[in-house]
Amino acid sequence: MTSAVESAAPAGNLSAEASRALGAGLGDSPRLAALRQEAAELATRMAMPTRAERPWKYLDVERLDLGGYRPALGATAAEADLRARYALAAGTPLTLQHNGATIATEARADGVTVTDFASAGASQRALIDKHLAAAVPAGRSKFTAIHYAFLRGGILVDVPANVEAAGNVRIVRVLEDDKQVAAPHTLIVTGANSRVSVIEDYRSNDGDIVVLPVVEIVPGPGSEVRYTALHRWGSHTRVFAEQRTTTERDSAVISLALVTGGQVVKGHVESSLAGRGSSSELYGLFLGDGQQHIDFYTTQDHIGADTRSDLLFKSALKGESRAVYYGLTRVGLGAKNADANQENRNLLLSRQAKAESDPVLEILTNDVIRVSHGATAGPVDEEQLYYLQTRGIARPAAEALLVRAFLGQVLDRVPDEALRDELAAVLEARIEAAP
């Protein structure tokens, strides 16, 4: 089991007093100030999740001690330095943050507003007040309570009705201060019949950092949201993330998580398909090495009629890395004509690598089109390796070729060619860097 270290309620640097001081310094709205206070009180009372809770079965966080950590303190680096350090092309439009502070914001001419919570105008602040913590409440876990108590660097993506965003909305969050707890929040709100693609690029150095991201997606009727999270964390970063979407009629969310770094990356991804005719596509690509622990829990909750969901998570694991997947597809009594698929596939590239997979179906009506699930874990096919070697390809190169093909099934589902190429380049760099 992966263990995470000692103890309980936030104190000292993560006290209720520190939470209030942070909110005052950021100029919280009355609604956010009240939420922050409620969360700080919850964080003091709530216990850490235990391995008795099914989503936490393979990760021990009961003794995680955050007493020596402090909230993100804000930017200590300039935009040009960060672009150079993390190979962010000069002039590329993006919203850039450092240690929870926004230091560059993309200017857009397509009607889409991307703004930090702290600098939001009146109309955007009203949206934040309305939707913040509605999808992921503060009381969901101790981690979410700490998140809202020390939320900093929240970003709102506001897409008006009937607007198709020009290009991707790109958010780059860089964390570099040792012994910090970062609590980034992304709120995506779209009007009816709109389209947007949001790429969230997470980076950190090799400091001891704990990150508690929350992503809330609120798609309007007939709208489509594509959300891509790139987890390119440093080797000592531990991440406990929440993402939830609640759909309206005929809306669609397509979400992809790519994990190539981090000591622990634990993600909970949920789609509540409430609106009739709405859909969810959840994809995951994980490349593990060393002693990495990559652990995702997903829920595809079919509530309304004529809803559709598809899920494909794939991992390729070297060293002593571990991938954990626990997924629930629930079809409620009112979810007539539901169409749901759930797949988890794992490639074990060493004898020490492990994959745990548990896809679950809960079906409360027999009036469905399809509800299916599947899971596999195993090594590279020796016959395929042998075939490639007989064609003059050395075994390491042959194995890398098969890994690319294995992961490529997920990439093939990305319709944006430029984004698909970018994701392939991230995977390629990781494959080439692995021993």
Protein backbone atom coordinates (compact mmCIF):
# COMPACT_ATOMS: atom_id res chain seq x y z
CA MET A 1 0.00 0.00 0.00
CA THR A 2 1.09 3.57 -0.60
CA SER A 3 1.36 5.42 2.70
CA ALA A 4 1.26 9.14 2.99
CA VAL A 5 2.44 10.25 6.52
CA GLU A 6 1.06 11.50 9.80
CA SER A 7 -2.04 13.14 11.33
CA ALA A 8 -5.22 15.15 11.37
CA ALA A 9 -6.85 18.57 11.61
CA PRO A 10 -5.27 21.56 9.91
CA ALA A 11 -3.42 23.73 12.39
CA GLY A 12 -0.86 26.49 12.43
CA ASN A 13 -0.25 27.53 8.84
CA LEU A 14 -3.57 25.95 7.79
CA SER A 15 -5.69 27.24 10.66
CA ALA A 16 -9.11 28.92 10.44
CA GLU A 17 -7.35 32.21 11.19
CA ALA A 18 -4.99 31.67 8.25
CA SER A 19 -7.99 30.93 6.03
CA ARG A 20 -9.71 34.18 7.03
CA ALA A 21 -6.53 36.16 6.49
CA LEU A 22 -6.08 34.68 3.02
CA GLY A 23 -9.66 35.56 2.04
CA ALA A 24 -9.31 39.11 3.34
CA GLY A 25 -6.09 39.60 1.40
CA LEU A 26 -7.71 38.34 -1.81
CA GLY A 27 -10.81 40.52 -1.39
CA ASP A 28 -13.36 37.71 -1.16
CA SER A 29 -16.95 38.42 -2.05
CA PRO A 30 -19.38 37.91 0.86
CA ARG A 31 -20.44 34.58 -0.68
CA LEU A 32 -16.86 33.32 -1.00
CA ALA A 33 -15.96 34.57 2.48
CA ALA A 34 -18.88 32.62 3.95
CA LEU A 35 -17.90 29.51 1.99
CA ARG A 36 -14.30 29.84 3.12
CA GLN A 37 -15.35 30.12 6.77
CA GLU A 38 -17.70 27.12 6.50
CA ALA A 39 -14.95 25.06 4.85
CA ALA A 40 -12.37 25.99 7.47
CA GLU A 41 -14.72 24.82 10.22
CA LEU A 42 -15.43 21.57 8.34
CA ALA A 43 -11.72 20.95 7.80
CA THR A 44 -11.16 21.14 11.56
CA ARG A 45 -13.91 18.61 12.32
CA MET A 46 -13.60 16.13 9.45
CA ALA A 47 -11.30 13.12 9.46
CA MET A 48 -9.14 12.05 6.56
CA PRO A 49 -10.62 9.43 4.22
CA THR A 50 -9.87 5.85 5.24
CA ARG A 51 -9.11 2.73 3.25
CA ALA A 52 -12.47 1.36 4.45
CA GLU A 53 -14.02 3.75 1.89
CA ARG A 54 -13.95 1.93 -1.44
CA PRO A 55 -12.41 4.77 -3.54
CA TRP A 56 -9.50 4.94 -1.06
CA LYS A 57 -8.87 1.21 -0.75
CA TYR A 58 -5.34 1.32 -2.18
CA LEU A 59 -4.12 4.63 -0.76
CA ASP A 60 -3.53 5.35 2.92
CA VAL A 61 -3.97 9.05 3.71
CA GLU A 62 -5.24 8.76 7.29
CA ARG A 63 -1.89 9.83 8.71
CA LEU A 64 -1.21 12.59 6.22
CA ASP A 65 0.13 15.48 8.28
CA LEU A 66 -0.37 18.92 6.75
CA GLY A 67 0.70 20.76 9.89
CA GLY A 68 4.07 21.72 8.42
CA TYR A 69 2.58 23.06 5.17
CA ARG A 70 1.37 26.55 4.38
CA PRO A 71 -1.07 27.97 1.81
CA ALA A 72 0.26 29.01 -1.59
CA LEU A 73 1.91 32.40 -1.08
CA GLY A 74 1.70 33.88 -4.58
CA ALA A 75 4.06 34.54 -7.45
CA THR A 76 7.81 34.77 -6.97
CA ALA A 77 8.76 34.44 -10.65
CA ALA A 78 8.15 36.57 -13.74
CA GLU A 79 6.19 35.47 -16.79
CA ALA A 80 9.27 35.43 -19.05
CA ASP A 81 11.20 33.25 -16.58
CA LEU A 82 8.36 30.74 -16.35
CA ARG A 83 7.92 30.58 -20.12
CA ALA A 84 11.61 29.85 -20.53
CA ARG A 85 11.78 27.34 -17.68
CA TYR A 86 8.76 25.32 -18.80
CA ALA A 87 9.14 25.72 -22.57
CA LEU A 88 6.03 27.84 -22.97
CA ALA A 89 6.36 29.56 -26.32
CA ALA A 90 6.59 33.35 -26.08
CA GLY A 91 3.43 34.96 -27.36
CA THR A 92 1.27 31.86 -26.93
CA PRO A 93 -2.03 33.08 -25.47
CA LEU A 94 -2.70 31.61 -22.04
CA THR A 95 -3.65 32.33 -18.46
CA LEU A 96 -0.49 31.75 -16.41
CA GLN A 97 -0.28 31.29 -12.65
CA HIS A 98 2.62 30.89 -10.28
CA ASN A 99 2.06 29.56 -6.75
CA GLY A 100 -1.63 30.43 -6.94
CA ALA A 101 -1.29 33.98 -8.30
CA THR A 102 -2.26 34.97 -11.85
CA ILE A 103 0.59 36.78 -13.60
CA ALA A 104 -0.72 36.74 -17.19
CA THR A 105 -4.24 36.57 -18.60
CA GLU A 106 -5.22 35.78 -22.15
CA ALA A 107 -7.06 38.57 -23.95
CA ARG A 108 -9.85 37.14 -26.11
CA ALA A 109 -12.02 38.64 -28.83
CA ASP A 110 -14.56 35.80 -29.18
CA GLY A 111 -16.83 36.73 -26.28
CA VAL A 112 -15.32 34.18 -23.89
CA THR A 113 -14.18 35.59 -20.54
CA VAL A 114 -11.31 33.99 -18.63
CA THR A 115 -10.76 35.65 -15.27
CA ASP A 116 -9.23 35.09 -11.87
CA PHE A 117 -11.84 35.03 -9.10
CA ALA A 118 -10.04 37.88 -7.34
CA SER A 119 -10.29 40.23 -10.33
CA ALA A 120 -13.69 39.20 -11.71
CA GLY A 121 -16.14 41.91 -12.75
CA ALA A 122 -19.67 42.19 -11.45
CA SER A 123 -21.34 39.81 -13.93
CA GLN A 124 -18.61 37.18 -13.61
CA ARG A 125 -18.61 37.47 -9.83
CA ALA A 126 -22.35 36.80 -9.88
CA LEU A 127 -21.68 33.59 -11.86
CA ILE A 128 -18.99 32.55 -9.38
CA ASP A 129 -21.28 33.19 -6.43
CA LYS A 130 -24.06 31.16 -8.10
CA HIS A 131 -22.09 28.10 -9.17
CA LEU A 132 -19.07 27.83 -6.86
CA ALA A 133 -19.23 24.65 -4.72
CA ALA A 134 -22.57 23.61 -6.25
CA ALA A 135 -21.09 20.62 -8.10
CA VAL A 136 -18.31 19.82 -5.60
CA PRO A 137 -19.42 20.88 -2.12
CA ALA A 138 -17.00 21.72 0.67
CA GLY A 139 -18.22 18.82 2.78
CA ARG A 140 -17.47 16.11 0.24
CA SER A 141 -14.22 15.21 2.04
CA LYS A 142 -11.58 16.70 4.28
CA PHE A 143 -9.56 17.49 1.17
CA THR A 144 -12.39 19.51 -0.41
CA ALA A 145 -12.93 21.32 2.88
CA ILE A 146 -9.25 22.32 2.97
CA HIS A 147 -9.51 23.27 -0.71
CA TYR A 148 -12.28 25.81 -0.15
CA ALA A 149 -10.71 27.09 3.07
CA PHE A 150 -7.48 27.94 1.22
CA LEU A 151 -8.74 28.44 -2.34
CA ARG A 152 -6.41 30.72 -4.28
CA GLY A 153 -6.10 31.32 -7.99
CA GLY A 154 -9.63 30.31 -8.91
CA ILE A 155 -10.31 30.71 -12.64
CA LEU A 156 -13.71 31.26 -14.24
CA VAL A 157 -14.22 30.38 -17.92
CA ASP A 158 -17.47 32.07 -18.94
CA VAL A 159 -18.82 31.21 -22.40
CA PRO A 160 -21.97 33.10 -23.48
CA ALA A 161 -24.82 31.40 -25.30
CA ASN A 162 -24.32 30.59 -29.00
CA VAL A 163 -20.57 31.31 -28.87
CA GLU A 164 -17.99 28.91 -30.25
CA ALA A 165 -14.65 29.69 -28.63
CA ALA A 166 -11.85 30.44 -31.09
CA GLY A 167 -9.05 28.00 -30.30
CA ASN A 168 -8.39 26.52 -26.90
CA VAL A 169 -8.64 28.26 -23.55
CA ARG A 170 -5.26 27.40 -21.99
CA ILE A 171 -4.57 27.64 -18.27
CA VAL A 172 -1.03 26.92 -17.03
CA ARG A 173 -0.57 26.53 -13.28
CA VAL A 174 3.02 26.34 -12.00
CA LEU A 175 3.84 25.49 -8.37
CA GLU A 176 7.39 25.85 -7.06
CA ASP A 177 7.36 26.68 -3.33
CA ASP A 178 8.31 23.77 -1.07
CA LYS A 179 5.90 22.71 1.70
CA GLN A 180 2.86 24.42 0.24
CA VAL A 181 -0.76 23.30 -0.03
CA ALA A 182 -2.17 24.68 -3.28
CA ALA A 183 -5.92 24.84 -3.89
CA PRO A 184 -6.57 25.80 -7.55
CA HIS A 185 -10.18 25.95 -8.68
CA THR A 186 -11.52 25.90 -12.23
CA LEU A 187 -15.14 26.84 -12.90
CA ILE A 188 -16.39 26.43 -16.48
CA VAL A 189 -19.85 27.85 -17.21
CA THR A 190 -21.29 27.74 -20.72
CA GLY A 191 -24.45 29.22 -22.17
CA ALA A 192 -26.88 27.37 -24.42
CA ASN A 193 -25.56 26.00 -27.73
CA SER A 194 -21.98 27.11 -27.09
CA ARG A 195 -18.66 25.30 -27.62
CA VAL A 196 -15.37 25.55 -25.72
CA SER A 197 -12.16 23.58 -25.27
CA VAL A 198 -10.21 24.16 -22.05
CA ILE A 199 -6.67 22.84 -21.51
CA GLU A 200 -5.36 22.92 -17.97
CA ASP A 201 -1.60 22.34 -17.76
CA TYR A 202 -0.31 21.58 -14.25
CA ARG A 203 3.45 21.84 -13.55
CA SER A 204 5.62 21.71 -10.43
CA ASN A 205 9.27 21.39 -9.51
CA ASP A 206 10.69 18.68 -7.26
CA GLY A 207 9.62 20.36 -4.01
CA ASP A 208 7.36 18.69 -1.44
CA ILE A 209 3.98 20.05 -2.58
CA VAL A 210 0.38 18.99 -1.92
CA VAL A 211 -2.22 20.07 -4.50
CA LEU A 212 -6.00 19.96 -4.04
CA PRO A 213 -7.53 20.95 -7.40
CA VAL A 214 -11.28 21.19 -7.95
CA VAL A 215 -12.88 21.46 -11.40
CA GLU A 216 -16.60 22.25 -11.75
CA ILE A 217 -18.15 22.12 -15.22
CA VAL A 218 -21.60 23.63 -15.76
CA PRO A 219 -22.64 23.13 -19.40
CA GLY A 220 -25.76 24.92 -20.64
CA PRO A 221 -28.43 23.22 -22.79
CA GLY A 222 -27.04 21.99 -26.12
CA SER A 223 -23.50 23.13 -25.27
CA GLU A 224 -20.26 21.17 -25.52
CA VAL A 225 -17.29 21.39 -23.16
CA ARG A 226 -13.96 19.71 -23.87
CA TYR A 227 -11.68 19.67 -20.84
CA THR A 228 -8.11 18.36 -20.90
CA ALA A 229 -5.91 18.13 -17.80
CA LEU A 230 -2.15 17.63 -18.23
CA HIS A 231 -0.61 16.40 -14.95
CA ARG A 232 3.10 17.12 -15.42
CA TRP A 233 4.01 17.26 -11.76
CA GLY A 234 7.41 17.04 -10.11
CA SER A 235 8.57 13.85 -8.44
CA HIS A 236 7.49 14.82 -4.88
CA THR A 237 4.10 16.37 -5.64
CA ARG A 238 0.99 14.69 -4.23
CA VAL A 239 -2.35 15.53 -5.83
CA PHE A 240 -5.91 14.90 -4.60
CA ALA A 241 -8.27 16.21 -7.27
CA GLU A 242 -12.03 16.49 -7.71
CA GLN A 243 -13.89 17.06 -10.98
CA ARG A 244 -17.66 17.01 -11.47
CA THR A 245 -20.08 17.87 -14.25
CA THR A 246 -23.86 18.15 -14.00
CA THR A 247 -25.44 18.24 -17.45
CA GLU A 248 -28.45 20.01 -18.88
CA ARG A 249 -30.53 18.86 -21.83
CA ASP A 250 -28.49 17.79 -24.90
CA SER A 251 -25.23 19.04 -23.43
CA ALA A 252 -21.95 17.14 -23.78
CA VAL A 253 -18.71 16.97 -21.82
CA ILE A 254 -15.54 15.33 -23.14
CA SER A 255 -12.81 15.08 -20.50
CA LEU A 256 -9.27 13.72 -20.79
CA ALA A 257 -6.67 13.36 -18.04
CA LEU A 258 -3.04 12.74 -18.98
CA VAL A 259 -0.69 11.85 -16.12
CA THR A 260 3.07 11.71 -16.66
CA GLY A 261 4.38 12.99 -13.33
CA GLY A 262 3.79 13.24 -9.60
CA GLN A 263 4.46 11.01 -6.61
CA VAL A 264 0.72 10.47 -6.03
CA VAL A 265 -2.05 11.58 -8.39
CA LYS A 266 -5.50 10.73 -7.01
CA GLY A 267 -8.46 11.90 -9.06
CA HIS A 268 -12.22 11.67 -8.60
CA VAL A 269 -14.08 12.39 -11.86
CA GLU A 270 -17.86 12.41 -11.93
CA SER A 271 -20.45 13.06 -14.63
CA SER A 272 -24.04 13.45 -13.46
CA LEU A 273 -26.12 13.06 -16.62
CA ALA A 274 -29.30 14.79 -15.48
CA GLY A 275 -30.37 16.46 -18.73
CA ARG A 276 -32.25 14.42 -21.31
CA GLY A 277 -30.06 13.54 -24.31
CA SER A 278 -26.85 14.64 -22.56
CA SER A 279 -23.56 12.77 -22.86
CA SER A 280 -20.20 12.26 -21.15
CA GLU A 281 -16.92 10.94 -22.52
CA LEU A 282 -14.15 10.35 -19.97
CA TYR A 283 -10.65 9.42 -21.11
CA GLY A 284 -7.42 8.80 -19.22
CA LEU A 285 -3.80 8.23 -20.24
CA PHE A 286 -1.27 7.34 -17.55
CA LEU A 287 2.46 6.69 -17.86
CA GLY A 288 3.88 5.48 -14.56
CA ASP A 289 7.47 4.85 -13.47
CA GLY A 290 9.52 4.55 -10.28
CA GLN A 291 7.14 4.42 -7.30
CA GLN A 292 4.39 6.59 -8.74
CA HIS A 293 0.84 5.95 -7.57
CA ILE A 294 -1.87 6.96 -10.06
CA ASP A 295 -5.36 6.39 -8.72
CA PHE A 296 -8.67 7.38 -10.34
CA TYR A 297 -12.26 6.90 -9.22
CA THR A 298 -14.97 7.71 -11.78
CA THR A 299 -18.75 7.92 -11.72
CA GLN A 300 -20.98 7.99 -14.77
CA ASP A 301 -24.40 8.62 -13.26
CA HIS A 302 -27.25 8.27 -15.78
CA ILE A 303 -30.21 10.17 -14.33
CA GLY A 304 -32.14 11.54 -17.32
CA ALA A 305 -33.51 9.68 -20.33
CA ASP A 306 -31.59 9.11 -23.58
CA THR A 307 -28.20 9.75 -21.96
CA ARG A 308 -24.90 8.37 -23.22
CA SER A 309 -21.52 7.80 -21.59
CA ASP A 310 -18.23 6.35 -22.74
CA LEU A 311 -15.05 5.81 -20.73
CA LEU A 312 -11.61 4.56 -21.70
CA PHE A 313 -8.69 4.74 -19.25
CA LYS A 314 -5.30 3.27 -20.20
CA SER A 315 -2.04 3.03 -18.28
CA ALA A 316 1.47 1.86 -19.14
CA LEU A 317 3.53 1.15 -16.03
CA LYS A 318 7.26 0.69 -15.42
CA GLY A 319 9.37 0.29 -12.28
CA GLU A 320 7.32 -0.19 -9.12
CA SER A 321 4.54 2.15 -10.23
CA ARG A 322 0.90 1.38 -9.56
CA ALA A 323 -2.31 2.34 -11.33
CA VAL A 324 -5.65 2.04 -9.56
CA TYR A 325 -9.00 2.39 -11.28
CA TYR A 326 -12.40 2.11 -9.62
CA GLY A 327 -15.32 3.15 -11.79
CA LEU A 328 -19.07 3.15 -11.21
CA THR A 329 -21.63 3.34 -14.00
CA ARG A 330 -25.05 3.89 -12.47
CA VAL A 331 -28.28 3.78 -14.50
CA GLY A 332 -31.18 5.22 -12.52
CA LEU A 333 -34.88 4.42 -12.77
CA GLY A 334 -35.52 7.44 -14.99
CA ALA A 335 -32.59 6.81 -17.33
CA LYS A 336 -34.49 5.07 -20.13
CA ASN A 337 -32.51 4.33 -23.31
CA ALA A 338 -29.19 4.80 -21.53
CA ASP A 339 -26.10 3.84 -23.52
CA ALA A 340 -22.99 3.33 -21.37
CA ASN A 341 -19.56 1.83 -21.86
CA GLN A 342 -16.63 1.64 -19.43
CA GLU A 343 -13.16 0.23 -20.17
CA ASN A 344 -9.90 0.17 -18.25
CA ARG A 345 -6.77 -1.34 -19.88
CA ASN A 346 -3.34 -1.60 -18.24
CA LEU A 347 0.05 -2.50 -19.70
CA LEU A 348 2.62 -3.80 -17.19
CA LEU A 349 6.17 -3.14 -18.41
CA SER A 350 8.01 -4.56 -15.38
CA ARG A 351 7.52 -7.39 -12.91
CA GLN A 352 7.10 -4.93 -10.05
CA ALA A 353 4.44 -2.71 -11.68
CA LYS A 354 0.86 -3.27 -10.50
CA ALA A 355 -2.61 -2.40 -11.74
CA GLU A 356 -5.83 -2.69 -9.76
CA SER A 357 -9.05 -2.41 -11.76
CA ASP A 358 -12.64 -2.56 -10.57
CA PRO A 359 -15.32 -1.37 -13.02
CA VAL A 360 -18.80 -1.60 -11.47
CA LEU A 361 -22.31 -1.46 -12.95
CA GLU A 362 -25.44 -0.50 -11.02
CA ILE A 363 -28.53 -0.79 -13.23
CA LEU A 364 -31.98 0.06 -11.85
CA THR A 365 -33.94 -0.18 -15.11
CA ASN A 366 -34.03 -2.77 -17.90
CA ASP A 367 -34.98 -0.20 -20.53
CA VAL A 368 -31.44 0.45 -21.80
CA ILE A 369 -29.67 0.39 -25.16
CA ARG A 370 -26.36 -0.90 -23.79
CA VAL A 371 -24.47 -0.99 -20.51
CA SER A 372 -21.03 -2.61 -20.73
CA HIS A 373 -17.72 -2.68 -18.92
CA GLY A 374 -14.33 -4.37 -19.13
CA ALA A 375 -10.86 -4.38 -17.62
CA THR A 376 -7.50 -5.96 -18.48
CA ALA A 377 -3.98 -5.92 -17.06
CA GLY A 378 -0.94 -7.70 -18.47
CA PRO A 379 2.49 -7.45 -20.05
CA VAL A 380 3.40 -6.61 -23.63
CA ASP A 381 2.52 -9.45 -26.00
CA GLU A 382 5.70 -11.51 -26.50
CA GLU A 383 4.63 -12.63 -29.97
CA GLN A 384 4.27 -9.03 -31.08
CA LEU A 385 7.68 -8.20 -29.60
CA TYR A 386 9.22 -11.19 -31.33
CA TYR A 387 7.67 -10.19 -34.66
CA LEU A 388 9.10 -6.67 -34.42
CA GLN A 389 12.52 -8.00 -33.39
CA THR A 390 12.61 -10.31 -36.41
CA ARG A 391 12.18 -7.15 -38.49
CA GLY A 392 15.39 -5.74 -37.05
CA ILE A 393 13.91 -3.61 -34.25
CA ALA A 394 15.72 -3.90 -30.92
CA ARG A 395 13.59 -5.02 -27.98
CA PRO A 396 13.48 -1.64 -26.12
CA ALA A 397 12.45 0.16 -29.32
CA ALA A 398 9.92 -2.56 -30.11
CA GLU A 399 8.40 -2.27 -26.64
CA ALA A 400 8.18 1.53 -26.96
CA LEU A 401 6.46 1.11 -30.32
CA LEU A 402 3.83 -1.17 -28.80
CA VAL A 403 3.31 1.25 -25.89
CA ARG A 404 2.66 4.07 -28.36
CA ALA A 405 0.14 1.93 -30.23
CA PHE A 406 -1.56 0.90 -26.99
CA LEU A 407 -1.99 4.49 -25.80
CA GLY A 408 -2.83 5.74 -29.27
CA GLN A 409 -6.37 4.35 -29.02
CA VAL A 410 -7.18 7.15 -26.58
CA LEU A 411 -5.40 9.82 -28.62
CA ASP A 412 -7.41 8.78 -31.67
CA ARG A 413 -10.53 10.00 -29.87
CA VAL A 414 -9.20 13.58 -29.66
CA PRO A 415 -10.76 15.39 -32.65
CA ASP A 416 -8.51 18.48 -32.45
CA GLU A 417 -5.44 17.56 -34.51
CA ALA A 418 -3.19 20.17 -32.92
CA LEU A 419 -4.13 19.04 -29.41
CA ARG A 420 -3.72 15.41 -30.41
CA ASP A 421 -0.20 16.15 -31.65
CA GLU A 422 0.60 18.04 -28.43
CA LEU A 423 -0.55 15.14 -26.26
CA ALA A 424 1.40 12.68 -28.40
CA ALA A 425 4.53 14.82 -27.96
CA VAL A 426 4.08 14.83 -24.16
CA LEU A 427 3.77 11.04 -24.16
CA GLU A 428 6.71 10.66 -26.53
CA ALA A 429 8.97 12.75 -24.30
CA ARG A 430 8.02 10.63 -21.32
CA ILE A 431 8.54 7.35 -23.21
CA GLU A 432 11.94 8.50 -24.47
CA ALA A 433 13.01 9.67 -20.99
CA ALA A 434 12.13 6.37 -19.30
CA PRO A 435 15.07 3.98 -18.79
